[in-house]
Amino acid sequence: LYKDSYWSRFPGSYYTGDFAMRDEDGYFWLLGRADEVLKVAGHRIGTAELEDAAVSHPAVAEAAVASKPDEIKGDAIVLFITLKDNVSPSPDLKKDLGKHLRNVIGPIATPDEVYFVDSLPKTRSGKIMRRVLKAIASGQSPGDLTTLEDEASVEEAKKAYETVKKKSDTDKDD
């Protein structure tokens, strides 16, 4: 399993799962984990940068960014949000979050989808499980959840996705 995971992806090279780029002077720049860097319309943007911008909005308590494939842009930005106490989710708040990310980062940071949830799926050590959110946003199975702290968070994210998807499908039929 070790050899299959780390040595077979790129023959003769060890796969670390990190994302890096080499500049014109030959230096390598470590940009983060490969699953934490999105490529949106030819631009690289980190999930941490997007999440920091989202939590700077006064209504947001916590944010997690995932992606899903987009035929035109490459990666579509999918934002999962927990709100501060006494703030209610609304279509206007979704629009405002999009404007906020555009103002803080730029137009490339506009989320394609925003889901409001009460909690985010995290490991027992508190790390957000982005791969689970990415699977949910792509309509796939979240896979192995043995390190998950709270199973209800995954079910809630799935429910938020399915509710928005059903509304989108209904709107297309009209």
C-alpha atoms as a PDB file:
ATOM      1  CA  LEU A   1       0.000   0.000   0.000  1.00  0.00           C
ATOM      2  CA  TYR A   2       2.837   2.413   0.861  1.00  0.00           C
ATOM      3  CA  LYS A   3       4.512   1.944  -2.530  1.00  0.00           C
ATOM      4  CA  ASP A   4       1.197   2.218  -4.354  1.00  0.00           C
ATOM      5  CA  SER A   5       0.268   5.406  -2.510  1.00  0.00           C
ATOM      6  CA  TYR A   6       3.538   7.298  -2.762  1.00  0.00           C
ATOM      7  CA  TRP A   7       5.723   5.804  -5.513  1.00  0.00           C
ATOM      8  CA  SER A   8       3.375   4.787  -8.339  1.00  0.00           C
ATOM      9  CA  ARG A   9       1.647   8.072  -9.159  1.00  0.00           C
ATOM     10  CA  PHE A  10       4.745   9.550 -10.828  1.00  0.00           C
ATOM     11  CA  PRO A  11       7.231   6.763 -11.709  1.00  0.00           C
ATOM     12  CA  GLY A  12      10.636   7.398 -10.158  1.00  0.00           C
ATOM     13  CA  SER A  13       9.309  10.209  -7.961  1.00  0.00           C
ATOM     14  CA  TYR A  14       7.899  10.295  -4.459  1.00  0.00           C
ATOM     15  CA  TYR A  15       4.416  11.840  -4.210  1.00  0.00           C
ATOM     16  CA  THR A  16       4.121  14.007  -1.082  1.00  0.00           C
ATOM     17  CA  GLY A  17       0.641  15.395  -1.663  1.00  0.00           C
ATOM     18  CA  ASP A  18       2.034  18.927  -1.458  1.00  0.00           C
ATOM     19  CA  PHE A  19       1.498  21.560  -4.128  1.00  0.00           C
ATOM     20  CA  ALA A  20       4.530  23.561  -5.209  1.00  0.00           C
ATOM     21  CA  MET A  21       5.711  25.624  -8.130  1.00  0.00           C
ATOM     22  CA  ARG A  22       9.132  26.433  -9.480  1.00  0.00           C
ATOM     23  CA  ASP A  23       9.926  30.057 -10.268  1.00  0.00           C
ATOM     24  CA  GLU A  24      12.026  31.446 -13.115  1.00  0.00           C
ATOM     25  CA  ASP A  25      15.151  31.340 -10.892  1.00  0.00           C
ATOM     26  CA  GLY A  26      14.702  27.618 -10.226  1.00  0.00           C
ATOM     27  CA  TYR A  27      13.460  27.981  -6.645  1.00  0.00           C
ATOM     28  CA  PHE A  28      10.596  25.812  -5.444  1.00  0.00           C
ATOM     29  CA  TRP A  29       7.751  27.438  -3.529  1.00  0.00           C
ATOM     30  CA  LEU A  30       5.623  25.211  -1.306  1.00  0.00           C
ATOM     31  CA  LEU A  31       2.023  26.418  -1.659  1.00  0.00           C
ATOM     32  CA  GLY A  32       0.310  23.912   0.619  1.00  0.00           C
ATOM     33  CA  ARG A  33      -1.332  20.544   0.417  1.00  0.00           C
ATOM     34  CA  ALA A  34      -2.487  19.623  -3.083  1.00  0.00           C
ATOM     35  CA  ASP A  35      -6.050  19.290  -1.825  1.00  0.00           C
ATOM     36  CA  GLU A  36      -5.852  22.786  -0.314  1.00  0.00           C
ATOM     37  CA  VAL A  37      -5.052  24.672  -3.544  1.00  0.00           C
ATOM     38  CA  LEU A  38      -7.747  25.242  -6.157  1.00  0.00           C
ATOM     39  CA  LYS A  39      -7.210  26.140  -9.781  1.00  0.00           C
ATOM     40  CA  VAL A  40     -10.036  28.472 -10.781  1.00  0.00           C
ATOM     41  CA  ALA A  41     -10.032  29.749 -14.363  1.00  0.00           C
ATOM     42  CA  GLY A  42      -6.254  29.391 -14.563  1.00  0.00           C
ATOM     43  CA  HIS A  43      -5.598  31.040 -11.178  1.00  0.00           C
ATOM     44  CA  ARG A  44      -4.288  29.186  -8.125  1.00  0.00           C
ATOM     45  CA  ILE A  45      -5.983  30.088  -4.884  1.00  0.00           C
ATOM     46  CA  GLY A  46      -5.617  28.459  -1.491  1.00  0.00           C
ATOM     47  CA  THR A  47      -8.530  27.246   0.570  1.00  0.00           C
ATOM     48  CA  ALA A  48      -7.015  29.017   3.600  1.00  0.00           C
ATOM     49  CA  GLU A  49      -7.071  32.360   1.765  1.00  0.00           C
ATOM     50  CA  LEU A  50     -10.727  31.875   0.835  1.00  0.00           C
ATOM     51  CA  GLU A  51     -11.654  30.713   4.334  1.00  0.00           C
ATOM     52  CA  ASP A  52      -9.864  33.673   5.950  1.00  0.00           C
ATOM     53  CA  ALA A  53     -11.797  36.050   3.697  1.00  0.00           C
ATOM     54  CA  ALA A  54     -15.086  34.310   4.505  1.00  0.00           C
ATOM     55  CA  VAL A  55     -14.589  34.446   8.287  1.00  0.00           C
ATOM     56  CA  SER A  56     -13.787  38.152   8.052  1.00  0.00           C
ATOM     57  CA  HIS A  57     -17.488  38.648   7.178  1.00  0.00           C
ATOM     58  CA  PRO A  58     -19.342  39.784  10.323  1.00  0.00           C
ATOM     59  CA  ALA A  59     -21.993  37.028  10.064  1.00  0.00           C
ATOM     60  CA  VAL A  60     -19.572  34.098   9.690  1.00  0.00           C
ATOM     61  CA  ALA A  61     -18.333  32.022  12.622  1.00  0.00           C
ATOM     62  CA  GLU A  62     -16.459  29.367  10.649  1.00  0.00           C
ATOM     63  CA  ALA A  63     -15.859  28.536   6.991  1.00  0.00           C
ATOM     64  CA  ALA A  64     -14.552  25.636   4.951  1.00  0.00           C
ATOM     65  CA  VAL A  65     -13.845  25.645   1.236  1.00  0.00           C
ATOM     66  CA  ALA A  66     -14.032  22.653  -1.045  1.00  0.00           C
ATOM     67  CA  SER A  67     -14.129  22.392  -4.796  1.00  0.00           C
ATOM     68  CA  LYS A  68     -15.926  20.438  -7.419  1.00  0.00           C
ATOM     69  CA  PRO A  69     -15.080  19.991 -11.086  1.00  0.00           C
ATOM     70  CA  ASP A  70     -16.255  22.692 -13.476  1.00  0.00           C
ATOM     71  CA  GLU A  71     -15.968  22.185 -17.237  1.00  0.00           C
ATOM     72  CA  ILE A  72     -15.087  25.827 -17.889  1.00  0.00           C
ATOM     73  CA  LYS A  73     -13.225  27.021 -14.777  1.00  0.00           C
ATOM     74  CA  GLY A  74     -11.512  23.810 -13.693  1.00  0.00           C
ATOM     75  CA  ASP A  75     -12.472  24.044 -10.020  1.00  0.00           C
ATOM     76  CA  ALA A  76     -15.726  25.540  -8.772  1.00  0.00           C
ATOM     77  CA  ILE A  77     -15.514  27.135  -5.314  1.00  0.00           C
ATOM     78  CA  VAL A  78     -17.911  25.592  -2.797  1.00  0.00           C
ATOM     79  CA  LEU A  79     -18.233  27.356   0.541  1.00  0.00           C
ATOM     80  CA  PHE A  80     -19.568  25.698   3.709  1.00  0.00           C
ATOM     81  CA  ILE A  81     -20.442  28.252   6.388  1.00  0.00           C
ATOM     82  CA  THR A  82     -21.401  28.195  10.047  1.00  0.00           C
ATOM     83  CA  LEU A  83     -23.009  31.425  11.175  1.00  0.00           C
ATOM     84  CA  LYS A  84     -22.580  33.403  14.371  1.00  0.00           C
ATOM     85  CA  ASP A  85     -25.323  33.251  16.991  1.00  0.00           C
ATOM     86  CA  ASN A  86     -28.459  35.219  16.104  1.00  0.00           C
ATOM     87  CA  VAL A  87     -27.649  35.218  12.362  1.00  0.00           C
ATOM     88  CA  SER A  88     -30.000  33.361  10.042  1.00  0.00           C
ATOM     89  CA  PRO A  89     -29.154  31.957   6.615  1.00  0.00           C
ATOM     90  CA  SER A  90     -30.790  33.709   3.666  1.00  0.00           C
ATOM     91  CA  PRO A  91     -30.394  34.191  -0.093  1.00  0.00           C
ATOM     92  CA  ASP A  92     -29.337  37.798   0.590  1.00  0.00           C
ATOM     93  CA  LEU A  93     -26.600  36.611   2.944  1.00  0.00           C
ATOM     94  CA  LYS A  94     -25.327  34.216   0.253  1.00  0.00           C
ATOM     95  CA  LYS A  95     -25.114  37.126  -2.199  1.00  0.00           C
ATOM     96  CA  ASP A  96     -23.424  39.299   0.407  1.00  0.00           C
ATOM     97  CA  LEU A  97     -20.819  36.588   1.094  1.00  0.00           C
ATOM     98  CA  GLY A  98     -20.039  36.424  -2.628  1.00  0.00           C
ATOM     99  CA  LYS A  99     -19.603  40.211  -2.761  1.00  0.00           C
ATOM    100  CA  HIS A 100     -17.453  40.108   0.359  1.00  0.00           C
ATOM    101  CA  LEU A 101     -15.049  37.512  -1.096  1.00  0.00           C
ATOM    102  CA  ARG A 102     -14.835  39.494  -4.352  1.00  0.00           C
ATOM    103  CA  ASN A 103     -13.989  42.660  -2.396  1.00  0.00           C
ATOM    104  CA  VAL A 104     -11.399  40.981  -0.164  1.00  0.00           C
ATOM    105  CA  ILE A 105      -9.655  38.787  -2.777  1.00  0.00           C
ATOM    106  CA  GLY A 106     -11.022  39.613  -6.223  1.00  0.00           C
ATOM    107  CA  PRO A 107     -13.571  38.336  -8.741  1.00  0.00           C
ATOM    108  CA  ILE A 108     -11.862  34.942  -8.994  1.00  0.00           C
ATOM    109  CA  ALA A 109     -12.872  34.245  -5.361  1.00  0.00           C
ATOM    110  CA  THR A 110     -16.627  34.410  -5.966  1.00  0.00           C
ATOM    111  CA  PRO A 111     -18.099  31.163  -4.619  1.00  0.00           C
ATOM    112  CA  ASP A 112     -20.146  29.072  -7.026  1.00  0.00           C
ATOM    113  CA  GLU A 113     -22.125  27.504  -4.193  1.00  0.00           C
ATOM    114  CA  VAL A 114     -22.667  28.429  -0.543  1.00  0.00           C
ATOM    115  CA  TYR A 115     -24.054  25.992   2.037  1.00  0.00           C
ATOM    116  CA  PHE A 116     -25.058  27.018   5.555  1.00  0.00           C
ATOM    117  CA  VAL A 117     -24.482  24.303   8.165  1.00  0.00           C
ATOM    118  CA  ASP A 118     -24.523  24.149  11.972  1.00  0.00           C
ATOM    119  CA  SER A 119     -21.164  22.349  12.132  1.00  0.00           C
ATOM    120  CA  LEU A 120     -18.333  21.308   9.841  1.00  0.00           C
ATOM    121  CA  PRO A 121     -16.988  17.749   9.582  1.00  0.00           C
ATOM    122  CA  LYS A 122     -13.762  17.606  11.579  1.00  0.00           C
ATOM    123  CA  THR A 123     -11.322  15.008  12.784  1.00  0.00           C
ATOM    124  CA  ARG A 124     -11.027  14.353  16.496  1.00  0.00           C
ATOM    125  CA  SER A 125      -8.021  16.686  16.503  1.00  0.00           C
ATOM    126  CA  GLY A 126     -10.146  19.505  15.050  1.00  0.00           C
ATOM    127  CA  LYS A 127      -8.953  19.528  11.433  1.00  0.00           C
ATOM    128  CA  ILE A 128     -11.670  20.241   8.866  1.00  0.00           C
ATOM    129  CA  MET A 129     -12.173  17.240   6.580  1.00  0.00           C
ATOM    130  CA  ARG A 130     -12.151  19.032   3.201  1.00  0.00           C
ATOM    131  CA  ARG A 131     -12.059  15.775   1.244  1.00  0.00           C
ATOM    132  CA  VAL A 132     -15.427  14.894   2.791  1.00  0.00           C
ATOM    133  CA  LEU A 133     -16.862  18.285   1.828  1.00  0.00           C
ATOM    134  CA  LYS A 134     -15.404  17.964  -1.668  1.00  0.00           C
ATOM    135  CA  ALA A 135     -17.047  14.557  -2.085  1.00  0.00           C
ATOM    136  CA  ILE A 136     -20.387  15.906  -0.863  1.00  0.00           C
ATOM    137  CA  ALA A 137     -20.172  18.947  -3.164  1.00  0.00           C
ATOM    138  CA  SER A 138     -19.455  16.611  -6.081  1.00  0.00           C
ATOM    139  CA  GLY A 139     -22.362  14.317  -5.196  1.00  0.00           C
ATOM    140  CA  GLN A 140     -20.044  11.441  -4.261  1.00  0.00           C
ATOM    141  CA  SER A 141     -19.646   9.203  -1.239  1.00  0.00           C
ATOM    142  CA  PRO A 142     -17.511  10.811   1.487  1.00  0.00           C
ATOM    143  CA  GLY A 143     -15.500   7.607   1.911  1.00  0.00           C
ATOM    144  CA  ASP A 144     -13.719   6.591   5.119  1.00  0.00           C
ATOM    145  CA  LEU A 145     -15.046   8.482   8.132  1.00  0.00           C
ATOM    146  CA  THR A 146     -13.207   6.628  10.911  1.00  0.00           C
ATOM    147  CA  THR A 147     -11.410   9.775  12.107  1.00  0.00           C
ATOM    148  CA  LEU A 148     -14.580  11.892  12.066  1.00  0.00           C
ATOM    149  CA  GLU A 149     -15.518  13.532  15.357  1.00  0.00           C
ATOM    150  CA  ASP A 150     -19.257  14.081  14.703  1.00  0.00           C
ATOM    151  CA  GLU A 151     -21.192  12.088  12.100  1.00  0.00           C
ATOM    152  CA  ALA A 152     -24.103  14.537  12.243  1.00  0.00           C
ATOM    153  CA  SER A 153     -21.926  17.198  10.570  1.00  0.00           C
ATOM    154  CA  VAL A 154     -21.562  15.025   7.449  1.00  0.00           C
ATOM    155  CA  GLU A 155     -25.286  14.306   7.311  1.00  0.00           C
ATOM    156  CA  GLU A 156     -26.020  18.005   7.681  1.00  0.00           C
ATOM    157  CA  ALA A 157     -23.636  18.947   4.851  1.00  0.00           C
ATOM    158  CA  LYS A 158     -25.229  16.273   2.644  1.00  0.00           C
ATOM    159  CA  LYS A 159     -28.705  17.585   3.470  1.00  0.00           C
ATOM    160  CA  ALA A 160     -27.677  21.179   2.632  1.00  0.00           C
ATOM    161  CA  TYR A 161     -26.222  20.009  -0.699  1.00  0.00           C
ATOM    162  CA  GLU A 162     -29.289  17.932  -1.587  1.00  0.00           C
ATOM    163  CA  THR A 163     -31.685  20.767  -0.696  1.00  0.00           C
ATOM    164  CA  VAL A 164     -29.858  23.223  -2.957  1.00  0.00           C
ATOM    165  CA  LYS A 165     -29.507  20.625  -5.731  1.00  0.00           C
ATOM    166  CA  LYS A 166     -33.246  19.836  -5.647  1.00  0.00           C
ATOM    167  CA  LYS A 167     -34.075  23.550  -5.834  1.00  0.00           C
ATOM    168  CA  SER A 168     -31.647  23.974  -8.732  1.00  0.00           C
ATOM    169  CA  ASP A 169     -33.149  20.984 -10.568  1.00  0.00           C
ATOM    170  CA  THR A 170     -36.672  22.349  -9.970  1.00  0.00           C
ATOM    171  CA  ASP A 171     -35.649  25.798 -11.262  1.00  0.00           C
ATOM    172  CA  LYS A 172     -34.279  24.191 -14.452  1.00  0.00           C
ATOM    173  CA  ASP A 173     -37.607  22.433 -15.036  1.00  0.00           C
ATOM    174  CA  ASP A 174     -39.574  25.708 -14.810  1.00  0.00           C
END
